[in-house]
């Protein structure tokens, strides 16, 4: 059986008093080698059990985008948060069409478990995030799985919301930047879900934040930041749909429309401290 916790160091750099590391490791869920960014605050390096926040990136990204651009290290060390960021999909599976478009296949795993061949043999990012990443944290780091949250951007915001709503006992806090909240109703999600899950749209609901929050609201308060100048706002993101769904079921939601901000990591870096403090407060309660 593959030892998914067998980490191979890729890089390690001191940053704001902690250490920014990147590892590669074998993944059963993704049928190959995955890369994982782990920011280790000094408290964790010294052996203290610390809260964990998992970050999920968006379309076309790898683990590097967040690691280099989000500016999370300073506040993560100050708060004592272990911050983990995986790649966004399996790589190099050789499936027809895997590398033909930016919004399906490589870099576009959508944090679901594919059921349609050939994708079902490797594109299982939901299992990767909910099973393999916690196993790695437990085996290799001083990360407290009883105090773990999840956040993400765009496709990763979709992943964070849906994974939290379906696993509230595992991921106890949640936030998102510009998330795809209703993938069953927008082009990005419809393309991905048809390719990974098939044509039965009833099965798509299991990965739609609007549907999931109506089915099982979160016990945690949700934080969502959305830029008003995001070019994807009207066609792909549609936060008003999630706001309405939350209102219908009494879900606590802090949706902040940030005037003049776009979809980029400049936007994410601006409000990253707010999000990490949101998780720290929830996980320390």
C-alpha atoms as a PDB file:
ATOM      1  CA  UNK A   1       0.000   0.000   0.000  1.00  0.00           C
ATOM      2  CA  UNK A   2       1.279   3.481  -0.887  1.00  0.00           C
ATOM      3  CA  UNK A   3       2.557   5.547   2.041  1.00  0.00           C
ATOM      4  CA  UNK A   4       0.881   8.862   1.280  1.00  0.00           C
ATOM      5  CA  UNK A   5       2.671  10.474   4.227  1.00  0.00           C
ATOM      6  CA  UNK A   6       6.124   9.857   2.727  1.00  0.00           C
ATOM      7  CA  UNK A   7       7.097  13.460   2.081  1.00  0.00           C
ATOM      8  CA  UNK A   8       9.999  14.375  -0.160  1.00  0.00           C
ATOM      9  CA  UNK A   9      11.350  17.891   0.571  1.00  0.00           C
ATOM     10  CA  UNK A  10      11.299  20.259  -2.398  1.00  0.00           C
ATOM     11  CA  UNK A  11      12.207  23.523  -0.683  1.00  0.00           C
ATOM     12  CA  UNK A  12      12.422  25.184   2.733  1.00  0.00           C
ATOM     13  CA  UNK A  13      12.808  28.910   3.369  1.00  0.00           C
ATOM     14  CA  UNK A  14      12.722  30.888   6.599  1.00  0.00           C
ATOM     15  CA  UNK A  15       9.923  33.429   6.477  1.00  0.00           C
ATOM     16  CA  UNK A  16       8.693  35.813   9.193  1.00  0.00           C
ATOM     17  CA  UNK A  17      10.061  33.612  11.950  1.00  0.00           C
ATOM     18  CA  UNK A  18       8.617  30.349  10.665  1.00  0.00           C
ATOM     19  CA  UNK A  19       9.564  28.135   7.734  1.00  0.00           C
ATOM     20  CA  UNK A  20       7.874  27.932   4.347  1.00  0.00           C
ATOM     21  CA  UNK A  21       8.213  24.385   3.056  1.00  0.00           C
ATOM     22  CA  UNK A  22       7.114  22.540  -0.074  1.00  0.00           C
ATOM     23  CA  UNK A  23       6.956  18.748  -0.337  1.00  0.00           C
ATOM     24  CA  UNK A  24       6.044  16.150  -2.931  1.00  0.00           C
ATOM     25  CA  UNK A  25       4.379  12.899  -1.954  1.00  0.00           C
ATOM     26  CA  UNK A  26       2.572   9.914  -3.479  1.00  0.00           C
ATOM     27  CA  UNK A  27      -1.213  10.158  -3.628  1.00  0.00           C
ATOM     28  CA  UNK A  28      -3.611   7.267  -4.024  1.00  0.00           C
ATOM     29  CA  UNK A  29      -6.572   9.579  -4.562  1.00  0.00           C
ATOM     30  CA  UNK A  30      -4.818  11.398  -7.404  1.00  0.00           C
ATOM     31  CA  UNK A  31      -2.945   8.390  -8.818  1.00  0.00           C
ATOM     32  CA  UNK A  32       0.483   9.959  -8.760  1.00  0.00           C
ATOM     33  CA  UNK A  33       2.771  12.493  -7.148  1.00  0.00           C
ATOM     34  CA  UNK A  34       1.270  15.642  -5.630  1.00  0.00           C
ATOM     35  CA  UNK A  35       2.945  18.771  -4.289  1.00  0.00           C
ATOM     36  CA  UNK A  36       1.990  20.335  -0.979  1.00  0.00           C
ATOM     37  CA  UNK A  37       2.976  23.706   0.477  1.00  0.00           C
ATOM     38  CA  UNK A  38       3.149  23.832   4.288  1.00  0.00           C
ATOM     39  CA  UNK A  39       3.919  26.997   6.236  1.00  0.00           C
ATOM     40  CA  UNK A  40       5.221  25.976   9.667  1.00  0.00           C
ATOM     41  CA  UNK A  41       5.008  28.660  12.371  1.00  0.00           C
ATOM     42  CA  UNK A  42       7.806  28.577  14.910  1.00  0.00           C
ATOM     43  CA  UNK A  43       5.459  27.285  17.617  1.00  0.00           C
ATOM     44  CA  UNK A  44       4.727  24.208  15.514  1.00  0.00           C
ATOM     45  CA  UNK A  45       8.401  23.684  14.742  1.00  0.00           C
ATOM     46  CA  UNK A  46       9.067  23.805  18.498  1.00  0.00           C
ATOM     47  CA  UNK A  47       6.564  21.002  19.059  1.00  0.00           C
ATOM     48  CA  UNK A  48       3.411  22.862  20.064  1.00  0.00           C
ATOM     49  CA  UNK A  49       0.141  21.547  18.634  1.00  0.00           C
ATOM     50  CA  UNK A  50      -1.306  24.373  16.566  1.00  0.00           C
ATOM     51  CA  UNK A  51      -4.489  25.047  14.562  1.00  0.00           C
ATOM     52  CA  UNK A  52      -4.467  24.221  10.842  1.00  0.00           C
ATOM     53  CA  UNK A  53      -5.845  26.174   7.885  1.00  0.00           C
ATOM     54  CA  UNK A  54      -6.034  24.520   4.461  1.00  0.00           C
ATOM     55  CA  UNK A  55      -5.997  26.810   1.415  1.00  0.00           C
ATOM     56  CA  UNK A  56      -7.481  25.747  -1.939  1.00  0.00           C
ATOM     57  CA  UNK A  57      -6.379  27.676  -5.021  1.00  0.00           C
ATOM     58  CA  UNK A  58      -8.268  28.507  -8.194  1.00  0.00           C
ATOM     59  CA  UNK A  59      -8.177  27.598 -11.873  1.00  0.00           C
ATOM     60  CA  UNK A  60      -4.730  27.308 -13.509  1.00  0.00           C
ATOM     61  CA  UNK A  61      -2.939  27.557 -10.161  1.00  0.00           C
ATOM     62  CA  UNK A  62      -0.504  25.246  -8.406  1.00  0.00           C
ATOM     63  CA  UNK A  63       0.527  25.271  -4.749  1.00  0.00           C
ATOM     64  CA  UNK A  64       3.003  28.028  -5.647  1.00  0.00           C
ATOM     65  CA  UNK A  65       0.520  30.845  -6.349  1.00  0.00           C
ATOM     66  CA  UNK A  66      -0.713  31.073  -2.774  1.00  0.00           C
ATOM     67  CA  UNK A  67       2.717  30.398  -1.296  1.00  0.00           C
ATOM     68  CA  UNK A  68       4.412  33.231  -3.182  1.00  0.00           C
ATOM     69  CA  UNK A  69       1.635  35.801  -3.673  1.00  0.00           C
ATOM     70  CA  UNK A  70      -0.875  35.650  -0.795  1.00  0.00           C
ATOM     71  CA  UNK A  71       1.342  37.140   1.925  1.00  0.00           C
ATOM     72  CA  UNK A  72       0.079  34.729   4.580  1.00  0.00           C
ATOM     73  CA  UNK A  73       3.352  33.885   6.329  1.00  0.00           C
ATOM     74  CA  UNK A  74       3.750  36.883   8.630  1.00  0.00           C
ATOM     75  CA  UNK A  75       0.335  36.685  10.236  1.00  0.00           C
ATOM     76  CA  UNK A  76       0.341  32.867  10.206  1.00  0.00           C
ATOM     77  CA  UNK A  77       3.507  32.859  12.318  1.00  0.00           C
ATOM     78  CA  UNK A  78       2.138  35.553  14.618  1.00  0.00           C
ATOM     79  CA  UNK A  79      -1.075  33.614  15.220  1.00  0.00           C
ATOM     80  CA  UNK A  80       0.610  30.212  15.260  1.00  0.00           C
ATOM     81  CA  UNK A  81      -1.279  28.707  12.313  1.00  0.00           C
ATOM     82  CA  UNK A  82      -0.055  25.792  10.204  1.00  0.00           C
ATOM     83  CA  UNK A  83      -1.128  26.751   6.678  1.00  0.00           C
ATOM     84  CA  UNK A  84      -1.345  24.006   4.056  1.00  0.00           C
ATOM     85  CA  UNK A  85      -1.857  24.582   0.316  1.00  0.00           C
ATOM     86  CA  UNK A  86      -2.101  21.696  -2.184  1.00  0.00           C
ATOM     87  CA  UNK A  87      -1.941  21.701  -5.964  1.00  0.00           C
ATOM     88  CA  UNK A  88      -5.268  22.124  -7.761  1.00  0.00           C
ATOM     89  CA  UNK A  89      -5.408  18.816  -9.664  1.00  0.00           C
ATOM     90  CA  UNK A  90      -3.525  15.649 -10.543  1.00  0.00           C
ATOM     91  CA  UNK A  91      -0.853  16.127 -13.190  1.00  0.00           C
ATOM     92  CA  UNK A  92       0.362  14.149 -16.179  1.00  0.00           C
ATOM     93  CA  UNK A  93      -2.313  11.465 -16.306  1.00  0.00           C
ATOM     94  CA  UNK A  94      -2.318  11.430 -20.095  1.00  0.00           C
ATOM     95  CA  UNK A  95      -6.100  11.607 -20.438  1.00  0.00           C
ATOM     96  CA  UNK A  96      -7.453  12.926 -23.756  1.00  0.00           C
ATOM     97  CA  UNK A  97      -8.190  16.623 -23.347  1.00  0.00           C
ATOM     98  CA  UNK A  98      -6.394  16.892 -20.009  1.00  0.00           C
ATOM     99  CA  UNK A  99      -4.266  19.845 -21.083  1.00  0.00           C
ATOM    100  CA  UNK A 100      -6.458  21.444 -23.742  1.00  0.00           C
ATOM    101  CA  UNK A 101      -8.283  24.111 -21.701  1.00  0.00           C
ATOM    102  CA  UNK A 102      -7.663  26.163 -18.579  1.00  0.00           C
ATOM    103  CA  UNK A 103     -11.015  25.337 -16.951  1.00  0.00           C
ATOM    104  CA  UNK A 104     -11.031  21.539 -17.226  1.00  0.00           C
ATOM    105  CA  UNK A 105      -8.375  18.920 -16.574  1.00  0.00           C
ATOM    106  CA  UNK A 106      -4.931  20.002 -15.388  1.00  0.00           C
ATOM    107  CA  UNK A 107      -5.168  22.845 -12.891  1.00  0.00           C
ATOM    108  CA  UNK A 108      -8.950  22.485 -12.712  1.00  0.00           C
ATOM    109  CA  UNK A 109      -9.781  19.588 -10.384  1.00  0.00           C
ATOM    110  CA  UNK A 110     -12.796  21.424  -8.868  1.00  0.00           C
ATOM    111  CA  UNK A 111     -12.313  19.635  -5.523  1.00  0.00           C
ATOM    112  CA  UNK A 112     -14.702  16.821  -6.350  1.00  0.00           C
ATOM    113  CA  UNK A 113     -14.374  13.068  -6.867  1.00  0.00           C
ATOM    114  CA  UNK A 114     -14.922  12.390 -10.554  1.00  0.00           C
ATOM    115  CA  UNK A 115     -17.252   9.530 -11.415  1.00  0.00           C
ATOM    116  CA  UNK A 116     -16.857   9.609 -15.197  1.00  0.00           C
ATOM    117  CA  UNK A 117     -14.055   7.629 -16.869  1.00  0.00           C
ATOM    118  CA  UNK A 118     -11.185   8.185 -17.308  1.00  0.00           C
ATOM    119  CA  UNK A 119     -11.201  11.063 -14.795  1.00  0.00           C
ATOM    120  CA  UNK A 120     -12.521   8.887 -11.986  1.00  0.00           C
ATOM    121  CA  UNK A 121      -9.211   7.027 -11.751  1.00  0.00           C
ATOM    122  CA  UNK A 122      -7.267  10.113 -10.638  1.00  0.00           C
ATOM    123  CA  UNK A 123      -9.334  13.294 -10.386  1.00  0.00           C
ATOM    124  CA  UNK A 124     -10.399  12.767  -6.786  1.00  0.00           C
ATOM    125  CA  UNK A 125      -9.447  16.052  -5.168  1.00  0.00           C
ATOM    126  CA  UNK A 126     -12.318  15.822  -2.673  1.00  0.00           C
ATOM    127  CA  UNK A 127     -10.851  12.631  -1.209  1.00  0.00           C
ATOM    128  CA  UNK A 128      -7.372  14.112  -1.401  1.00  0.00           C
ATOM    129  CA  UNK A 129      -8.349  17.161   0.667  1.00  0.00           C
ATOM    130  CA  UNK A 130     -10.631  15.402   3.157  1.00  0.00           C
ATOM    131  CA  UNK A 131      -8.608  12.226   3.707  1.00  0.00           C
ATOM    132  CA  UNK A 132      -5.008  12.406   2.552  1.00  0.00           C
ATOM    133  CA  UNK A 133      -4.111  15.921   3.659  1.00  0.00           C
ATOM    134  CA  UNK A 134      -5.396  15.351   7.234  1.00  0.00           C
ATOM    135  CA  UNK A 135      -3.469  12.054   7.340  1.00  0.00           C
ATOM    136  CA  UNK A 136      -0.266  13.841   6.309  1.00  0.00           C
ATOM    137  CA  UNK A 137      -0.780  16.604   8.874  1.00  0.00           C
ATOM    138  CA  UNK A 138      -1.399  14.095  11.643  1.00  0.00           C
ATOM    139  CA  UNK A 139       1.607  11.946  10.742  1.00  0.00           C
ATOM    140  CA  UNK A 140       4.218  14.578   9.933  1.00  0.00           C
ATOM    141  CA  UNK A 141       3.368  17.862  11.670  1.00  0.00           C
ATOM    142  CA  UNK A 142       2.160  19.232  14.999  1.00  0.00           C
ATOM    143  CA  UNK A 143      -1.167  20.224  13.487  1.00  0.00           C
ATOM    144  CA  UNK A 144      -4.272  19.796  15.626  1.00  0.00           C
ATOM    145  CA  UNK A 145      -6.945  18.135  13.468  1.00  0.00           C
ATOM    146  CA  UNK A 146      -9.545  19.074  16.083  1.00  0.00           C
ATOM    147  CA  UNK A 147      -8.834  22.719  15.189  1.00  0.00           C
ATOM    148  CA  UNK A 148      -8.788  22.803  11.400  1.00  0.00           C
ATOM    149  CA  UNK A 149     -10.325  25.280   8.982  1.00  0.00           C
ATOM    150  CA  UNK A 150     -10.477  25.672   5.222  1.00  0.00           C
ATOM    151  CA  UNK A 151     -10.425  28.629   2.829  1.00  0.00           C
ATOM    152  CA  UNK A 152      -9.898  29.243  -0.857  1.00  0.00           C
ATOM    153  CA  UNK A 153     -10.196  31.423  -3.946  1.00  0.00           C
ATOM    154  CA  UNK A 154     -12.551  31.153  -6.947  1.00  0.00           C
ATOM    155  CA  UNK A 155     -12.633  27.418  -7.805  1.00  0.00           C
ATOM    156  CA  UNK A 156     -10.883  26.955  -4.467  1.00  0.00           C
ATOM    157  CA  UNK A 157     -13.523  29.075  -2.755  1.00  0.00           C
ATOM    158  CA  UNK A 158     -16.091  26.679  -4.187  1.00  0.00           C
ATOM    159  CA  UNK A 159     -13.995  23.836  -2.797  1.00  0.00           C
ATOM    160  CA  UNK A 160     -13.674  25.423   0.635  1.00  0.00           C
ATOM    161  CA  UNK A 161     -17.404  26.099   0.986  1.00  0.00           C
ATOM    162  CA  UNK A 162     -18.582  22.714  -0.245  1.00  0.00           C
ATOM    163  CA  UNK A 163     -15.978  20.696   1.653  1.00  0.00           C
ATOM    164  CA  UNK A 164     -16.727  22.595   4.867  1.00  0.00           C
ATOM    165  CA  UNK A 165     -20.491  22.211   4.514  1.00  0.00           C
ATOM    166  CA  UNK A 166     -20.122  18.451   3.974  1.00  0.00           C
ATOM    167  CA  UNK A 167     -17.447  17.960   6.645  1.00  0.00           C
ATOM    168  CA  UNK A 168     -18.211  20.380   9.465  1.00  0.00           C
ATOM    169  CA  UNK A 169     -16.807  17.962  12.026  1.00  0.00           C
ATOM    170  CA  UNK A 170     -13.446  18.025  10.221  1.00  0.00           C
ATOM    171  CA  UNK A 171     -13.185  21.615   8.947  1.00  0.00           C
ATOM    172  CA  UNK A 172     -14.655  23.752  11.693  1.00  0.00           C
ATOM    173  CA  UNK A 173     -14.143  27.172  10.118  1.00  0.00           C
ATOM    174  CA  UNK A 174     -14.479  28.433   6.560  1.00  0.00           C
ATOM    175  CA  UNK A 175     -13.857  31.500   4.442  1.00  0.00           C
ATOM    176  CA  UNK A 176     -13.535  32.275   0.747  1.00  0.00           C
ATOM    177  CA  UNK A 177     -12.342  34.876  -1.738  1.00  0.00           C
ATOM    178  CA  UNK A 178     -14.510  35.327  -4.851  1.00  0.00           C
ATOM    179  CA  UNK A 179     -15.903  31.778  -4.695  1.00  0.00           C
ATOM    180  CA  UNK A 180     -17.874  29.990  -7.398  1.00  0.00           C
ATOM    181  CA  UNK A 181     -20.945  29.569  -5.175  1.00  0.00           C
ATOM    182  CA  UNK A 182     -23.403  28.103  -7.680  1.00  0.00           C
ATOM    183  CA  UNK A 183     -21.359  25.965 -10.101  1.00  0.00           C
ATOM    184  CA  UNK A 184     -24.461  24.168 -11.382  1.00  0.00           C
ATOM    185  CA  UNK A 185     -25.702  27.503 -12.723  1.00  0.00           C
ATOM    186  CA  UNK A 186     -22.556  28.988 -14.307  1.00  0.00           C
ATOM    187  CA  UNK A 187     -20.373  28.008 -17.301  1.00  0.00           C
ATOM    188  CA  UNK A 188     -17.243  27.048 -15.342  1.00  0.00           C
ATOM    189  CA  UNK A 189     -19.107  24.638 -13.124  1.00  0.00           C
ATOM    190  CA  UNK A 190     -21.370  23.221 -15.804  1.00  0.00           C
ATOM    191  CA  UNK A 191     -18.418  22.356 -18.038  1.00  0.00           C
ATOM    192  CA  UNK A 192     -16.453  20.754 -15.219  1.00  0.00           C
ATOM    193  CA  UNK A 193     -19.362  18.860 -13.692  1.00  0.00           C
ATOM    194  CA  UNK A 194     -20.489  17.437 -17.031  1.00  0.00           C
ATOM    195  CA  UNK A 195     -16.955  16.279 -17.769  1.00  0.00           C
ATOM    196  CA  UNK A 196     -16.190  14.831 -14.340  1.00  0.00           C
ATOM    197  CA  UNK A 197     -19.639  13.704 -13.157  1.00  0.00           C
ATOM    198  CA  UNK A 198     -21.664  13.071 -16.323  1.00  0.00           C
ATOM    199  CA  UNK A 199     -24.931  14.451 -17.631  1.00  0.00           C
ATOM    200  CA  UNK A 200     -27.163  13.682 -14.628  1.00  0.00           C
ATOM    201  CA  UNK A 201     -27.455  17.148 -13.144  1.00  0.00           C
ATOM    202  CA  UNK A 202     -28.993  15.777  -9.965  1.00  0.00           C
ATOM    203  CA  UNK A 203     -25.554  14.461  -9.009  1.00  0.00           C
ATOM    204  CA  UNK A 204     -24.059  17.918  -9.418  1.00  0.00           C
ATOM    205  CA  UNK A 205     -25.962  19.243  -6.404  1.00  0.00           C
ATOM    206  CA  UNK A 206     -23.569  17.434  -4.075  1.00  0.00           C
ATOM    207  CA  UNK A 207     -20.866  19.943  -5.054  1.00  0.00           C
ATOM    208  CA  UNK A 208     -22.939  23.142  -5.135  1.00  0.00           C
ATOM    209  CA  UNK A 209     -22.579  25.476  -2.135  1.00  0.00           C
ATOM    210  CA  UNK A 210     -26.034  26.996  -2.596  1.00  0.00           C
ATOM    211  CA  UNK A 211     -27.679  23.573  -2.545  1.00  0.00           C
ATOM    212  CA  UNK A 212     -25.535  22.296   0.320  1.00  0.00           C
ATOM    213  CA  UNK A 213     -26.123  25.238   2.644  1.00  0.00           C
ATOM    214  CA  UNK A 214     -29.869  24.813   2.226  1.00  0.00           C
ATOM    215  CA  UNK A 215     -29.516  21.131   3.079  1.00  0.00           C
ATOM    216  CA  UNK A 216     -27.144  21.469   6.038  1.00  0.00           C
ATOM    217  CA  UNK A 217     -26.290  25.004   7.200  1.00  0.00           C
ATOM    218  CA  UNK A 218     -22.967  25.507   8.911  1.00  0.00           C
ATOM    219  CA  UNK A 219     -22.647  25.929  12.648  1.00  0.00           C
ATOM    220  CA  UNK A 220     -19.824  28.377  11.916  1.00  0.00           C
ATOM    221  CA  UNK A 221     -20.072  31.901  10.616  1.00  0.00           C
ATOM    222  CA  UNK A 222     -18.855  32.147   7.009  1.00  0.00           C
ATOM    223  CA  UNK A 223     -16.639  34.968   5.704  1.00  0.00           C
ATOM    224  CA  UNK A 224     -16.681  35.753   1.970  1.00  0.00           C
ATOM    225  CA  UNK A 225     -14.842  38.615   0.287  1.00  0.00           C
ATOM    226  CA  UNK A 226     -15.729  39.594  -3.275  1.00  0.00           C
ATOM    227  CA  UNK A 227     -14.215  42.367  -5.375  1.00  0.00           C
ATOM    228  CA  UNK A 228     -16.659  44.708  -7.060  1.00  0.00           C
ATOM    229  CA  UNK A 229     -14.414  45.009 -10.145  1.00  0.00           C
ATOM    230  CA  UNK A 230     -13.969  41.265 -10.598  1.00  0.00           C
ATOM    231  CA  UNK A 231     -14.441  40.545 -14.321  1.00  0.00           C
ATOM    232  CA  UNK A 232     -15.960  37.140 -13.483  1.00  0.00           C
ATOM    233  CA  UNK A 233     -18.502  38.521 -10.992  1.00  0.00           C
ATOM    234  CA  UNK A 234     -21.685  38.486 -13.051  1.00  0.00           C
ATOM    235  CA  UNK A 235     -21.185  35.416 -15.221  1.00  0.00           C
ATOM    236  CA  UNK A 236     -19.259  32.934 -13.074  1.00  0.00           C
ATOM    237  CA  UNK A 237     -19.347  33.913  -9.380  1.00  0.00           C
ATOM    238  CA  UNK A 238     -22.795  35.335  -8.552  1.00  0.00           C
ATOM    239  CA  UNK A 239     -22.418  35.779  -4.766  1.00  0.00           C
ATOM    240  CA  UNK A 240     -25.974  37.055  -4.505  1.00  0.00           C
ATOM    241  CA  UNK A 241     -27.212  33.486  -5.039  1.00  0.00           C
ATOM    242  CA  UNK A 242     -25.288  32.235  -2.007  1.00  0.00           C
ATOM    243  CA  UNK A 243     -26.360  35.246   0.025  1.00  0.00           C
ATOM    244  CA  UNK A 244     -30.005  34.428  -0.739  1.00  0.00           C
ATOM    245  CA  UNK A 245     -29.542  30.738   0.096  1.00  0.00           C
ATOM    246  CA  UNK A 246     -27.921  31.618   3.423  1.00  0.00           C
ATOM    247  CA  UNK A 247     -30.709  34.056   4.238  1.00  0.00           C
ATOM    248  CA  UNK A 248     -33.324  31.397   3.516  1.00  0.00           C
ATOM    249  CA  UNK A 249     -31.898  29.018   6.137  1.00  0.00           C
ATOM    250  CA  UNK A 250     -30.545  31.530   8.662  1.00  0.00           C
ATOM    251  CA  UNK A 251     -26.912  30.835   7.853  1.00  0.00           C
ATOM    252  CA  UNK A 252     -24.524  33.367   9.390  1.00  0.00           C
ATOM    253  CA  UNK A 253     -22.670  34.941   6.443  1.00  0.00           C
ATOM    254  CA  UNK A 254     -20.405  37.971   6.324  1.00  0.00           C
ATOM    255  CA  UNK A 255     -20.333  38.800   2.596  1.00  0.00           C
ATOM    256  CA  UNK A 256     -18.079  41.793   2.046  1.00  0.00           C
ATOM    257  CA  UNK A 257     -18.156  43.503  -1.339  1.00  0.00           C
ATOM    258  CA  UNK A 258     -14.750  45.143  -1.648  1.00  0.00           C
ATOM    259  CA  UNK A 259     -14.991  48.263  -3.789  1.00  0.00           C
ATOM    260  CA  UNK A 260     -12.539  48.447  -6.703  1.00  0.00           C
ATOM    261  CA  UNK A 261     -10.883  45.064  -6.152  1.00  0.00           C
ATOM    262  CA  UNK A 262     -10.563  42.428  -8.865  1.00  0.00           C
ATOM    263  CA  UNK A 263      -9.969  38.652  -8.998  1.00  0.00           C
ATOM    264  CA  UNK A 264      -6.201  38.741  -8.514  1.00  0.00           C
ATOM    265  CA  UNK A 265      -3.823  37.891  -5.688  1.00  0.00           C
ATOM    266  CA  UNK A 266      -3.463  41.634  -5.047  1.00  0.00           C
ATOM    267  CA  UNK A 267      -7.044  41.384  -3.775  1.00  0.00           C
ATOM    268  CA  UNK A 268      -6.321  38.213  -1.817  1.00  0.00           C
ATOM    269  CA  UNK A 269      -3.173  39.585  -0.185  1.00  0.00           C
ATOM    270  CA  UNK A 270      -5.035  42.733   0.889  1.00  0.00           C
ATOM    271  CA  UNK A 271      -7.521  40.807   3.009  1.00  0.00           C
ATOM    272  CA  UNK A 272      -5.524  37.690   3.894  1.00  0.00           C
ATOM    273  CA  UNK A 273      -4.905  38.828   7.460  1.00  0.00           C
ATOM    274  CA  UNK A 274      -8.652  39.262   8.032  1.00  0.00           C
ATOM    275  CA  UNK A 275      -9.268  35.705   6.882  1.00  0.00           C
ATOM    276  CA  UNK A 276      -6.523  34.153   8.973  1.00  0.00           C
ATOM    277  CA  UNK A 277      -7.761  36.049  12.024  1.00  0.00           C
ATOM    278  CA  UNK A 278     -11.284  34.810  11.260  1.00  0.00           C
ATOM    279  CA  UNK A 279     -10.025  31.219  11.344  1.00  0.00           C
ATOM    280  CA  UNK A 280      -7.842  31.754  14.397  1.00  0.00           C
ATOM    281  CA  UNK A 281     -10.759  33.176  16.360  1.00  0.00           C
ATOM    282  CA  UNK A 282     -13.060  30.325  15.383  1.00  0.00           C
ATOM    283  CA  UNK A 283     -10.496  27.602  16.015  1.00  0.00           C
ATOM    284  CA  UNK A 284      -9.430  29.080  19.355  1.00  0.00           C
ATOM    285  CA  UNK A 285     -12.975  29.359  20.701  1.00  0.00           C
END
